[in-house]
Protein backbone atom coordinates (compact mmCIF):
# COMPACT_ATOMS: atom_id res chain seq x y z
CA UNK A 1 86.16 -69.89 26.15
CA UNK A 2 87.44 -70.04 29.85
CA UNK A 3 90.59 -67.95 28.66
CA UNK A 4 88.65 -65.59 26.91
CA UNK A 5 86.13 -64.86 29.61
CA UNK A 6 89.29 -64.06 31.85
CA UNK A 7 90.94 -62.11 29.48
CA UNK A 8 87.60 -59.93 28.82
CA UNK A 9 87.25 -59.68 32.56
CA UNK A 10 90.86 -58.63 32.92
CA UNK A 11 90.41 -55.71 30.16
CA UNK A 12 87.12 -54.62 31.75
CA UNK A 13 89.09 -53.99 35.26
CA UNK A 14 92.01 -52.25 33.80
CA UNK A 15 92.21 -48.51 34.59
CA UNK A 16 94.36 -45.92 32.83
CA UNK A 17 97.41 -45.00 34.23
CA UNK A 18 97.99 -42.02 32.50
CA UNK A 19 99.31 -39.18 34.11
CA UNK A 20 99.89 -36.59 31.41
CA UNK A 21 98.86 -36.48 27.80
CA UNK A 22 102.21 -38.04 26.80
CA UNK A 23 100.75 -41.34 28.19
CA UNK A 24 99.12 -41.75 24.91
CA UNK A 25 102.37 -41.15 22.67
CA UNK A 26 103.18 -44.64 23.02
CA UNK A 27 102.02 -47.76 21.08
CA UNK A 28 101.54 -50.20 23.60
CA UNK A 29 99.08 -47.50 25.71
CA UNK A 30 97.19 -46.60 22.63
CA UNK A 31 96.74 -50.27 22.05
CA UNK A 32 95.27 -51.02 25.45
CA UNK A 33 92.85 -48.45 25.45
CA UNK A 34 91.43 -50.20 21.75
CA UNK A 35 91.71 -53.57 23.41
CA UNK A 36 89.37 -52.08 26.64
CA UNK A 37 86.92 -50.27 24.06
CA UNK A 38 86.37 -53.71 21.94
CA UNK A 39 86.35 -56.05 24.96
CA UNK A 40 83.71 -54.21 26.72
CA UNK A 41 81.51 -53.84 23.66
CA UNK A 42 82.08 -57.63 22.82
CA UNK A 43 81.06 -58.42 26.49
CA UNK A 44 78.30 -56.59 26.73
CA UNK A 45 76.85 -58.36 23.17
CA UNK A 46 77.94 -61.59 24.87
CA UNK A 47 76.11 -60.65 28.15
CA UNK A 48 72.71 -59.65 26.15
CA UNK A 49 72.77 -63.03 24.04
CA UNK A 50 73.41 -65.06 26.97
CA UNK A 51 70.69 -63.41 29.29
CA UNK A 52 68.05 -65.73 30.17
CA UNK A 53 65.11 -63.00 29.29
CA UNK A 54 66.02 -63.11 25.73
CA UNK A 55 63.66 -65.20 23.50
CA UNK A 56 64.77 -64.24 20.24
CA UNK A 57 65.71 -66.28 17.49
CA UNK A 58 69.57 -65.63 16.64
CA UNK A 59 68.19 -64.15 13.22
CA UNK A 60 65.74 -61.88 14.74
CA UNK A 61 68.32 -61.03 17.44
CA UNK A 62 70.81 -60.04 14.84
CA UNK A 63 68.58 -58.18 12.34
CA UNK A 64 66.05 -56.44 14.71
CA UNK A 65 67.02 -56.30 18.17
CA UNK A 66 70.86 -55.58 18.40
CA UNK A 67 72.10 -54.96 14.87
CA UNK A 68 73.63 -51.89 15.42
CA UNK A 69 75.21 -52.81 18.54
CA UNK A 70 76.77 -55.88 16.93
CA UNK A 71 77.98 -53.71 13.83
CA UNK A 72 79.38 -51.00 16.33
CA UNK A 73 81.32 -53.77 17.68
CA UNK A 74 82.43 -55.58 14.58
CA UNK A 75 83.42 -51.89 13.08
CA UNK A 76 85.47 -51.29 16.59
CA UNK A 77 86.91 -54.90 16.19
CA UNK A 78 88.13 -54.37 12.59
CA UNK A 79 89.64 -51.18 13.14
CA UNK A 80 91.63 -52.43 16.36
CA UNK A 81 92.82 -55.40 14.26
CA UNK A 82 93.98 -52.89 11.62
CA UNK A 83 95.76 -50.72 14.27
CA UNK A 84 97.39 -53.98 15.83
CA UNK A 85 98.52 -55.35 12.21
CA UNK A 86 100.32 -51.77 11.70
CA UNK A 87 101.90 -51.37 14.98
CA UNK A 88 102.96 -55.39 14.63
CA UNK A 89 104.68 -54.55 11.01
CA UNK A 90 106.46 -51.88 12.42
CA UNK A 91 107.78 -53.85 15.31
CA UNK A 92 109.45 -56.16 12.90
CA UNK A 93 112.24 -54.42 12.35
CA UNK A 94 112.33 -54.58 8.44
CA UNK A 95 111.76 -50.80 7.86
CA UNK A 96 115.84 -49.75 7.08
CA UNK A 97 115.29 -45.94 6.82
CA UNK A 98 115.05 -44.61 10.31
CA UNK A 99 113.21 -41.55 9.18
CA UNK A 100 110.50 -43.65 7.41
CA UNK A 101 110.21 -45.99 10.52
CA UNK A 102 109.76 -42.54 12.68
CA UNK A 103 107.10 -41.27 10.27
CA UNK A 104 105.17 -44.72 9.88
CA UNK A 105 105.11 -44.89 13.89
CA UNK A 106 103.75 -41.27 14.07
CA UNK A 107 101.21 -42.21 11.69
CA UNK A 108 100.53 -45.47 13.63
CA UNK A 109 100.15 -43.33 16.81
CA UNK A 110 98.01 -40.95 15.24
CA UNK A 111 95.51 -43.65 13.47
CA UNK A 112 95.09 -45.20 17.13
CA UNK A 113 94.25 -41.73 18.68
CA UNK A 114 92.16 -41.13 16.05
CA UNK A 115 89.99 -44.46 16.68
CA UNK A 116 89.89 -43.71 20.09
CA UNK A 117 88.94 -39.94 19.58
CA UNK A 118 86.08 -40.95 17.13
CA UNK A 119 84.64 -43.80 19.45
CA UNK A 120 85.93 -44.49 22.83
CA UNK A 121 82.55 -44.43 24.75
CA UNK A 122 83.17 -48.14 25.97
CA UNK A 123 86.31 -47.11 27.79
CA UNK A 124 84.12 -44.28 29.51
CA UNK A 125 81.56 -46.86 30.25
CA UNK A 126 84.04 -49.52 31.64
CA UNK A 127 85.42 -46.82 33.77
CA UNK A 128 88.86 -47.04 31.83
CA UNK A 129 89.01 -43.46 31.07
């Protein structure tokens, strides 16, 4: 639990180091932005759930009050995991054809940038961008 909180706090405190658009042509930089996006959303839900003025049951909390926020955070997390798995698979080094590898890397970058373009609101709210 403590490791989780320290990692979330580190991600919330992170700031983008981009000086040019080419910064986001690196898979690691795209991954960092996606992680910050998910971490900020997760931390927001966590803070709401543990707030003292929250007198809802878990069922009411999820179904009536913050269901859309939880759904948004869950979708962002699933999309981050798919990006991460795609990136990890490329890094394994078992794709033999260099042209295929380059095309798949470009596709992975495009997917990550698309995810940021669709919903990077938490990156702006956290001050990352």
